[in-house]
């Protein structure tokens, strides 16, 4: 009998290794899937950044004020947020592949419609309904899906996939700026739409397998994926507080990100310098997201969130006294390095305190709030600029919203520490 047990064990282990290589947690397939998701996020992320670079050209062509010219960006963020909830629900029900394919088609149609827009209203509608919503499929759903394929290295994996959005911010602004200068923003938009269609649909096929949590709804996987208690709060209350915190921090975050190109133009440095600063900001944001992902594996999502928000506040304050060209490059880089890990930290917190079967929807809800914060902050900064002819008051507005975010995160962290002390 002992011989038979010895013979059976290697077969079982062999089958486990084979299954792991095909589609289990933290397997070779999980890492390959993460790479494909990162590429999809980088390509699809163009939907968030192209309108920022095109803003000066759009304002000139339509002859409108700065706040009006920011409307397409605001609509993009609103579409991104609402689209994230829709694509998150699609991902929960049918898998990430359906969400991503739908988003890819929406992006292609959106850039075609935006490049052909006859009025600013038509451009804003195409940006919000199609481009923003389409781009959202390559952010929230892919973050939630990635979190289902990793346990011990979940923070690192989420940091990697969340970096796709910022990697897009590194790659796309100088590319878009180059083509806008060469052929105009309309032809540039048409080219982006074609690229999204032919590159994203084949990549999405890598995501066709269901997650381990979907295949193992009972037993060991369910135990390993079980969330923590919700900090003594009702799940809806915890989600609402996280959403408010995300909204507030992204109102603050949007001022440099949405207006750095226009800010540099107003200072006389030109839009190309602004695009370079945006690229630097987001490039260092990638390093931040990767670093904060590893940190969250060690100290948890809430502590990582508090650290990122505190550092973002410092960077926002530094924008006030420094507006020389070299100092703006430095402060923009610091801003990207400090704030890049904030948004992925929300996804980690959601995965720590909510059930995996709700991951897509819950993550998308918090990310929707963050995107709405970006939308409001971008528009609000434009309005403040029109009122004051300066961005100084807009930076002060961002600092106030950042303080609100810090208050909420500190409250949640204090509740967490109190519950641990009583345990």
Protein backbone atom coordinates (compact mmCIF):
# COMPACT_ATOMS: atom_id res chain seq x y z
CA UNK A 1 0.00 0.00 0.00
CA UNK A 2 2.85 2.36 0.77
CA UNK A 3 4.28 1.71 -2.70
CA UNK A 4 1.02 2.69 -4.36
CA UNK A 5 0.93 5.92 -2.38
CA UNK A 6 4.46 6.72 -3.45
CA UNK A 7 3.48 6.13 -7.08
CA UNK A 8 0.31 8.21 -6.92
CA UNK A 9 1.81 11.31 -5.28
CA UNK A 10 4.14 12.25 -8.14
CA UNK A 11 1.29 11.91 -10.62
CA UNK A 12 -0.88 14.24 -8.57
CA UNK A 13 1.94 16.73 -8.21
CA UNK A 14 2.67 16.45 -11.90
CA UNK A 15 -0.92 17.15 -12.79
CA UNK A 16 -0.91 20.13 -10.40
CA UNK A 17 2.23 21.49 -12.02
CA UNK A 18 0.72 21.01 -15.47
CA UNK A 19 -2.48 22.75 -14.44
CA UNK A 20 -0.49 25.54 -12.86
CA UNK A 21 1.42 26.14 -16.08
CA UNK A 22 -1.85 26.35 -17.98
CA UNK A 23 -4.01 28.60 -15.86
CA UNK A 24 -3.64 28.62 -12.09
CA UNK A 25 -2.64 31.42 -9.73
CA UNK A 26 0.84 32.92 -10.19
CA UNK A 27 1.61 30.41 -12.94
CA UNK A 28 3.50 31.04 -16.18
CA UNK A 29 0.16 31.65 -17.89
CA UNK A 30 -0.81 34.19 -15.20
CA UNK A 31 2.36 36.18 -15.94
CA UNK A 32 1.82 35.90 -19.71
CA UNK A 33 -1.74 37.11 -19.21
CA UNK A 34 -0.40 40.03 -17.15
CA UNK A 35 1.96 40.99 -19.99
CA UNK A 36 -0.88 40.94 -22.53
CA UNK A 37 -3.05 43.01 -20.19
CA UNK A 38 -0.22 45.52 -19.75
CA UNK A 39 0.09 45.94 -23.53
CA UNK A 40 -3.68 46.35 -23.86
CA UNK A 41 -3.72 48.95 -21.09
CA UNK A 42 -0.86 50.86 -22.70
CA UNK A 43 -2.53 50.96 -26.12
CA UNK A 44 -6.05 51.61 -24.83
CA UNK A 45 -4.77 54.25 -22.40
CA UNK A 46 -4.34 56.66 -25.32
CA UNK A 47 -8.01 57.52 -24.80
CA UNK A 48 -7.17 59.40 -21.60
CA UNK A 49 -4.15 61.35 -22.84
CA UNK A 50 -4.71 62.31 -26.48
CA UNK A 51 -7.25 65.05 -25.73
CA UNK A 52 -4.89 66.67 -23.18
CA UNK A 53 -2.20 67.05 -25.84
CA UNK A 54 -4.75 68.18 -28.44
CA UNK A 55 -6.32 70.77 -26.11
CA UNK A 56 -4.42 73.85 -27.43
CA UNK A 57 -5.12 72.87 -31.06
CA UNK A 58 -8.80 72.22 -30.30
CA UNK A 59 -9.12 75.57 -28.50
CA UNK A 60 -7.57 77.39 -31.47
CA UNK A 61 -9.67 75.63 -34.11
CA UNK A 62 -13.02 76.14 -32.38
CA UNK A 63 -12.15 79.59 -30.98
CA UNK A 64 -13.39 78.97 -27.43
CA UNK A 65 -12.27 79.82 -23.88
CA UNK A 66 -10.01 77.51 -21.89
CA UNK A 67 -12.85 76.14 -19.75
CA UNK A 68 -14.92 75.36 -22.88
CA UNK A 69 -11.95 73.71 -24.56
CA UNK A 70 -11.58 71.47 -21.49
CA UNK A 71 -15.12 70.09 -22.01
CA UNK A 72 -13.98 67.16 -24.22
CA UNK A 73 -11.48 66.16 -21.52
CA UNK A 74 -14.19 66.37 -18.85
CA UNK A 75 -16.54 64.25 -20.96
CA UNK A 76 -13.73 61.75 -21.52
CA UNK A 77 -13.27 61.34 -17.78
CA UNK A 78 -17.01 60.99 -17.21
CA UNK A 79 -17.25 58.39 -19.97
CA UNK A 80 -14.20 56.62 -18.54
CA UNK A 81 -15.80 56.47 -15.10
CA UNK A 82 -19.27 55.31 -16.17
CA UNK A 83 -17.78 53.00 -18.76
CA UNK A 84 -15.60 51.43 -16.07
CA UNK A 85 -18.68 50.36 -14.10
CA UNK A 86 -20.31 48.93 -17.24
CA UNK A 87 -17.19 47.10 -18.39
CA UNK A 88 -16.53 45.95 -14.81
CA UNK A 89 -19.97 44.33 -14.75
CA UNK A 90 -19.30 42.76 -18.16
CA UNK A 91 -16.01 41.41 -16.84
CA UNK A 92 -17.64 39.93 -13.72
CA UNK A 93 -20.31 38.18 -15.78
CA UNK A 94 -18.59 37.19 -19.02
CA UNK A 95 -14.87 37.59 -18.42
CA UNK A 96 -12.33 40.29 -19.17
CA UNK A 97 -12.08 39.35 -22.86
CA UNK A 98 -15.63 40.57 -23.60
CA UNK A 99 -15.05 43.86 -21.80
CA UNK A 100 -11.75 44.50 -23.59
CA UNK A 101 -13.03 43.60 -27.06
CA UNK A 102 -16.05 45.85 -26.60
CA UNK A 103 -13.79 48.66 -25.46
CA UNK A 104 -11.45 48.21 -28.43
CA UNK A 105 -14.28 48.59 -30.92
CA UNK A 106 -15.64 51.62 -29.04
CA UNK A 107 -12.20 53.28 -29.14
CA UNK A 108 -11.86 52.80 -32.89
CA UNK A 109 -15.33 54.21 -33.55
CA UNK A 110 -14.74 57.06 -31.09
CA UNK A 111 -11.56 58.29 -32.77
CA UNK A 112 -13.25 58.10 -36.16
CA UNK A 113 -16.19 60.17 -34.87
CA UNK A 114 -13.99 62.66 -32.98
CA UNK A 115 -11.68 63.18 -35.96
CA UNK A 116 -14.72 64.01 -38.09
CA UNK A 117 -16.48 66.25 -35.51
CA UNK A 118 -17.85 69.51 -36.93
CA UNK A 119 -18.45 71.18 -33.54
CA UNK A 120 -16.92 71.15 -30.08
CA UNK A 121 -20.09 69.47 -28.78
CA UNK A 122 -19.74 66.60 -31.24
CA UNK A 123 -16.10 66.19 -30.26
CA UNK A 124 -17.00 66.14 -26.56
CA UNK A 125 -19.74 63.57 -27.19
CA UNK A 126 -17.40 61.27 -29.12
CA UNK A 127 -14.75 61.64 -26.41
CA UNK A 128 -17.16 60.76 -23.60
CA UNK A 129 -19.47 58.12 -25.05
CA UNK A 130 -16.94 56.19 -27.13
CA UNK A 131 -13.32 57.09 -26.37
CA UNK A 132 -13.63 57.47 -22.61
CA UNK A 133 -15.88 54.45 -22.20
CA UNK A 134 -13.77 52.35 -24.56
CA UNK A 135 -10.54 53.23 -22.79
CA UNK A 136 -12.05 52.30 -19.41
CA UNK A 137 -12.19 48.65 -20.47
CA UNK A 138 -8.38 48.56 -20.39
CA UNK A 139 -8.08 49.87 -16.83
CA UNK A 140 -10.51 48.84 -14.07
CA UNK A 141 -11.55 45.45 -15.54
CA UNK A 142 -7.93 44.49 -16.20
CA UNK A 143 -6.84 45.54 -12.70
CA UNK A 144 -9.66 43.49 -11.12
CA UNK A 145 -8.96 40.53 -13.41
CA UNK A 146 -5.23 40.60 -12.64
CA UNK A 147 -5.92 40.62 -8.89
CA UNK A 148 -7.72 37.28 -9.31
CA UNK A 149 -4.63 35.58 -10.74
CA UNK A 150 -2.22 36.48 -7.92
CA UNK A 151 -2.17 36.01 -4.16
CA UNK A 152 1.31 36.41 -2.62
CA UNK A 153 2.36 38.93 -5.27
CA UNK A 154 -0.99 40.60 -5.75
CA UNK A 155 0.25 44.10 -4.92
CA UNK A 156 3.16 43.80 -7.33
CA UNK A 157 0.92 42.41 -10.10
CA UNK A 158 -1.70 45.13 -9.63
CA UNK A 159 1.08 47.74 -9.64
CA UNK A 160 2.33 46.37 -12.95
CA UNK A 161 -1.04 46.34 -14.70
CA UNK A 162 -1.97 49.75 -13.27
CA UNK A 163 1.26 51.06 -14.77
CA UNK A 164 -0.16 50.49 -18.25
CA UNK A 165 -2.28 53.60 -17.91
CA UNK A 166 0.80 55.66 -17.05
CA UNK A 167 2.97 53.91 -19.61
CA UNK A 168 0.39 55.12 -22.11
CA UNK A 169 0.97 58.60 -20.69
CA UNK A 170 4.69 58.25 -21.33
CA UNK A 171 4.42 56.88 -24.85
CA UNK A 172 1.44 58.72 -26.28
CA UNK A 173 1.80 62.48 -25.48
CA UNK A 174 5.04 63.06 -27.47
CA UNK A 175 3.81 60.80 -30.28
CA UNK A 176 0.43 62.55 -30.48
CA UNK A 177 2.09 65.97 -30.24
CA UNK A 178 4.45 65.07 -33.11
CA UNK A 179 1.64 63.99 -35.41
CA UNK A 180 -0.59 66.93 -34.47
CA UNK A 181 2.25 69.28 -35.48
CA UNK A 182 2.81 67.29 -38.70
CA UNK A 183 -0.69 66.44 -39.97
CA UNK A 184 -3.15 68.09 -37.55
CA UNK A 185 -5.17 66.67 -34.69
CA UNK A 186 -7.96 65.29 -36.90
CA UNK A 187 -5.76 63.02 -39.02
CA UNK A 188 -3.89 62.01 -35.88
CA UNK A 189 -7.15 60.88 -34.30
CA UNK A 190 -8.08 58.80 -37.34
CA UNK A 191 -4.71 57.05 -37.23
CA UNK A 192 -5.06 56.28 -33.51
CA UNK A 193 -8.47 54.69 -34.09
CA UNK A 194 -7.11 52.38 -36.78
CA UNK A 195 -4.18 51.35 -34.59
CA UNK A 196 -6.44 50.49 -31.64
CA UNK A 197 -8.60 48.24 -33.78
CA UNK A 198 -5.85 46.20 -35.44
CA UNK A 199 -3.68 45.77 -32.34
CA UNK A 200 -6.08 45.33 -29.41
CA UNK A 201 -8.49 42.70 -30.72
CA UNK A 202 -5.78 40.03 -31.29
CA UNK A 203 -4.18 40.78 -27.89
CA UNK A 204 -7.54 40.36 -26.14
CA UNK A 205 -7.64 36.68 -27.16
CA UNK A 206 -4.99 35.93 -24.53
CA UNK A 207 -7.62 36.74 -21.86
CA UNK A 208 -10.08 34.06 -22.95
CA UNK A 209 -9.53 31.69 -19.98
CA UNK A 210 -11.64 32.23 -16.83
CA UNK A 211 -9.90 33.15 -13.57
CA UNK A 212 -9.02 30.51 -10.93
CA UNK A 213 -11.65 32.03 -8.63
CA UNK A 214 -14.34 31.40 -11.25
CA UNK A 215 -13.23 27.80 -11.78
CA UNK A 216 -12.79 27.04 -8.05
CA UNK A 217 -15.77 28.69 -6.41
CA UNK A 218 -15.59 26.33 -3.44
CA UNK A 219 -12.89 24.88 -1.25
CA UNK A 220 -9.31 26.01 -0.91
CA UNK A 221 -9.46 28.87 -3.40
CA UNK A 222 -12.53 30.36 -1.70
CA UNK A 223 -10.74 30.25 1.65
CA UNK A 224 -7.60 31.87 0.29
CA UNK A 225 -9.55 34.66 -1.43
CA UNK A 226 -11.83 35.44 1.51
CA UNK A 227 -11.78 39.19 2.33
CA UNK A 228 -11.14 40.77 5.71
CA UNK A 229 -13.96 42.28 7.82
CA UNK A 230 -14.99 45.70 6.51
CA UNK A 231 -13.38 47.81 9.29
CA UNK A 232 -16.50 47.61 11.42
CA UNK A 233 -18.47 49.40 8.71
CA UNK A 234 -21.21 48.19 6.42
CA UNK A 235 -19.78 47.24 3.00
CA UNK A 236 -21.77 50.04 1.34
CA UNK A 237 -20.45 52.60 3.83
CA UNK A 238 -16.85 51.46 3.36
CA UNK A 239 -17.22 51.57 -0.41
CA UNK A 240 -18.72 55.07 -0.21
CA UNK A 241 -15.82 56.34 1.92
CA UNK A 242 -13.26 54.82 -0.45
CA UNK A 243 -15.07 56.37 -3.40
CA UNK A 244 -15.12 59.80 -1.74
CA UNK A 245 -11.43 59.52 -0.91
CA UNK A 246 -10.62 58.53 -4.49
CA UNK A 247 -12.73 61.40 -5.82
CA UNK A 248 -10.99 63.96 -3.61
CA UNK A 249 -7.45 62.81 -4.34
CA UNK A 250 -8.07 62.84 -8.08
CA UNK A 251 -9.56 66.33 -8.08
CA UNK A 252 -6.18 67.31 -6.66
CA UNK A 253 -4.26 65.07 -9.05
CA UNK A 254 -5.96 66.44 -12.16
CA UNK A 255 -4.56 69.97 -11.93
CA UNK A 256 -1.00 69.13 -13.01
CA UNK A 257 -1.98 66.23 -15.25
CA UNK A 258 -4.77 67.93 -17.20
CA UNK A 259 -3.25 71.41 -17.44
CA UNK A 260 0.52 71.01 -17.54
CA UNK A 261 0.60 71.41 -21.36
CA UNK A 262 -1.58 74.53 -21.26
CA UNK A 263 0.30 75.83 -18.19
CA UNK A 264 3.63 75.62 -20.04
CA UNK A 265 2.10 77.35 -23.06
CA UNK A 266 0.88 80.22 -20.86
CA UNK A 267 4.32 80.56 -19.27
CA UNK A 268 5.86 80.87 -22.73
CA UNK A 269 7.62 77.48 -22.80
CA UNK A 270 5.36 76.03 -25.53
CA UNK A 271 3.11 72.93 -25.67
CA UNK A 272 5.99 70.62 -26.63
CA UNK A 273 7.69 71.33 -23.29
CA UNK A 274 4.41 70.65 -21.52
CA UNK A 275 4.01 67.34 -23.33
CA UNK A 276 7.54 66.39 -22.25
CA UNK A 277 6.73 67.26 -18.63
CA UNK A 278 3.55 65.19 -18.80
CA UNK A 279 5.55 62.29 -20.22
CA UNK A 280 8.15 62.66 -17.45
CA UNK A 281 5.42 62.88 -14.82
CA UNK A 282 3.77 59.69 -16.00
CA UNK A 283 7.05 57.88 -16.65
CA UNK A 284 8.11 58.33 -13.04
CA UNK A 285 4.53 57.44 -12.11
CA UNK A 286 5.22 53.98 -13.53
CA UNK A 287 8.15 53.56 -11.15
CA UNK A 288 5.89 54.76 -8.34
CA UNK A 289 3.16 52.28 -9.20
CA UNK A 290 5.59 49.38 -9.31
CA UNK A 291 7.28 50.42 -6.06
CA UNK A 292 4.00 51.04 -4.25
CA UNK A 293 2.72 47.67 -5.44
CA UNK A 294 5.62 45.89 -3.75
CA UNK A 295 5.20 48.09 -0.68
CA UNK A 296 1.48 47.25 -0.39
CA UNK A 297 2.36 43.52 -0.29
CA UNK A 298 4.24 44.30 2.92
CA UNK A 299 2.27 47.03 4.71
CA UNK A 300 -1.22 46.71 3.18
CA UNK A 301 -3.31 48.89 0.91
CA UNK A 302 -4.47 51.51 3.44
CA UNK A 303 -0.99 52.40 4.71
CA UNK A 304 0.30 52.57 1.14
CA UNK A 305 -2.61 54.83 0.24
CA UNK A 306 -1.86 57.18 3.13
CA UNK A 307 1.81 57.42 2.14
CA UNK A 308 1.01 58.18 -1.51
CA UNK A 309 -1.57 60.82 -0.67
CA UNK A 310 0.79 62.57 1.76
CA UNK A 311 3.55 62.69 -0.84
CA UNK A 312 1.15 64.00 -3.50
CA UNK A 313 0.26 66.87 -1.17
CA UNK A 314 3.93 67.81 -0.85
CA UNK A 315 4.36 67.84 -4.64
CA UNK A 316 1.28 70.02 -5.17
CA UNK A 317 2.64 72.56 -2.69
CA UNK A 318 5.96 72.62 -4.57
CA UNK A 319 4.21 73.79 -7.76
CA UNK A 320 3.36 77.10 -6.06
CA UNK A 321 6.83 78.66 -5.63
CA UNK A 322 8.54 77.05 -8.66
CA UNK A 323 7.60 77.93 -12.25
CA UNK A 324 10.96 78.24 -14.00
CA UNK A 325 11.52 75.72 -16.79
CA UNK A 326 14.07 73.51 -15.02
CA UNK A 327 12.24 73.61 -11.69
CA UNK A 328 8.97 72.67 -13.43
CA UNK A 329 10.64 69.59 -14.89
CA UNK A 330 11.87 68.65 -11.40
CA UNK A 331 8.55 69.25 -9.65
CA UNK A 332 6.62 67.44 -12.42
CA UNK A 333 8.91 64.47 -12.00
CA UNK A 334 8.45 64.50 -8.22
CA UNK A 335 4.69 64.75 -8.64
CA UNK A 336 4.67 61.66 -10.85
CA UNK A 337 6.97 59.78 -8.49
CA UNK A 338 4.89 60.66 -5.44
CA UNK A 339 1.33 60.14 -6.69
CA UNK A 340 1.67 57.24 -9.13
CA UNK A 341 0.90 54.53 -6.58
CA UNK A 342 -2.29 56.08 -5.21
CA UNK A 343 -4.94 54.73 -7.60
CA UNK A 344 -3.67 51.10 -7.59
CA UNK A 345 -3.76 51.23 -3.78
CA UNK A 346 -7.54 51.67 -3.92
CA UNK A 347 -7.80 48.44 -5.94
CA UNK A 348 -5.69 46.64 -3.33
CA UNK A 349 -7.90 47.94 -0.50
CA UNK A 350 -11.04 46.81 -2.33
CA UNK A 351 -9.59 43.33 -2.84
CA UNK A 352 -8.62 43.17 0.83
CA UNK A 353 -12.08 44.02 2.16
CA UNK A 354 -14.58 42.76 -0.45
CA UNK A 355 -15.41 39.37 -1.95
CA UNK A 356 -13.60 38.34 -5.18
CA UNK A 357 -16.91 37.73 -6.97
CA UNK A 358 -17.58 41.48 -6.60
CA UNK A 359 -14.09 42.60 -7.57
CA UNK A 360 -14.87 43.95 -11.03
CA UNK A 361 -17.84 46.03 -9.92
CA UNK A 362 -16.36 47.26 -6.62
CA UNK A 363 -13.01 48.22 -8.14
CA UNK A 364 -14.78 49.90 -11.05
CA UNK A 365 -16.98 51.90 -8.67
CA UNK A 366 -14.00 53.31 -6.77
CA UNK A 367 -12.11 53.96 -9.99
CA UNK A 368 -15.21 55.66 -11.41
CA UNK A 369 -15.14 58.03 -8.45
CA UNK A 370 -11.45 58.72 -9.07
CA UNK A 371 -12.10 59.45 -12.74
CA UNK A 372 -15.03 61.73 -11.88
CA UNK A 373 -12.59 63.55 -9.59
CA UNK A 374 -10.21 63.92 -12.54
CA UNK A 375 -13.09 65.20 -14.67
CA UNK A 376 -14.29 67.74 -12.12
CA UNK A 377 -10.76 68.80 -11.24
CA UNK A 378 -9.79 69.33 -14.87
CA UNK A 379 -12.88 71.42 -15.57
CA UNK A 380 -12.70 73.28 -12.26
CA UNK A 381 -9.07 74.24 -12.88
CA UNK A 382 -10.03 75.65 -16.28
CA UNK A 383 -12.82 77.71 -14.74
CA UNK A 384 -10.53 79.01 -11.99
CA UNK A 385 -7.96 79.95 -14.63
CA UNK A 386 -10.60 81.85 -16.63
CA UNK A 387 -11.66 83.73 -13.48
CA UNK A 388 -8.17 84.58 -12.24
CA UNK A 389 -5.99 84.40 -15.40
CA UNK A 390 -3.62 82.28 -13.29
CA UNK A 391 -3.21 78.65 -12.20
CA UNK A 392 -2.10 79.56 -8.66
CA UNK A 393 -5.63 79.44 -7.25
CA UNK A 394 -6.20 76.14 -9.09
CA UNK A 395 -3.21 74.60 -7.31
CA UNK A 396 -4.55 75.84 -3.95
CA UNK A 397 -7.91 74.25 -4.78
CA UNK A 398 -6.15 70.95 -5.44
CA UNK A 399 -4.32 71.15 -2.12
CA UNK A 400 -7.64 71.57 -0.25
CA UNK A 401 -9.11 68.47 -1.92
CA UNK A 402 -5.96 66.50 -1.11
CA UNK A 403 -6.40 67.35 2.58
CA UNK A 404 -9.95 65.93 2.46
CA UNK A 405 -8.58 62.70 1.01
CA UNK A 406 -5.96 62.45 3.76
CA UNK A 407 -8.63 62.90 6.43
CA UNK A 408 -10.71 60.00 5.11
CA UNK A 409 -7.77 57.61 4.67
CA UNK A 410 -6.46 58.44 8.16
CA UNK A 411 -9.93 57.71 9.59
CA UNK A 412 -10.07 54.28 7.90
CA UNK A 413 -6.54 53.44 8.98
CA UNK A 414 -7.35 54.41 12.57
CA UNK A 415 -10.39 52.10 12.53
CA UNK A 416 -8.22 49.31 11.19
CA UNK A 417 -5.65 49.81 13.95
CA UNK A 418 -8.40 49.93 16.59
CA UNK A 419 -9.93 46.65 15.39
CA UNK A 420 -6.53 44.97 15.38
CA UNK A 421 -5.87 46.18 18.93
CA UNK A 422 -9.17 44.69 20.13
CA UNK A 423 -8.63 41.37 18.30
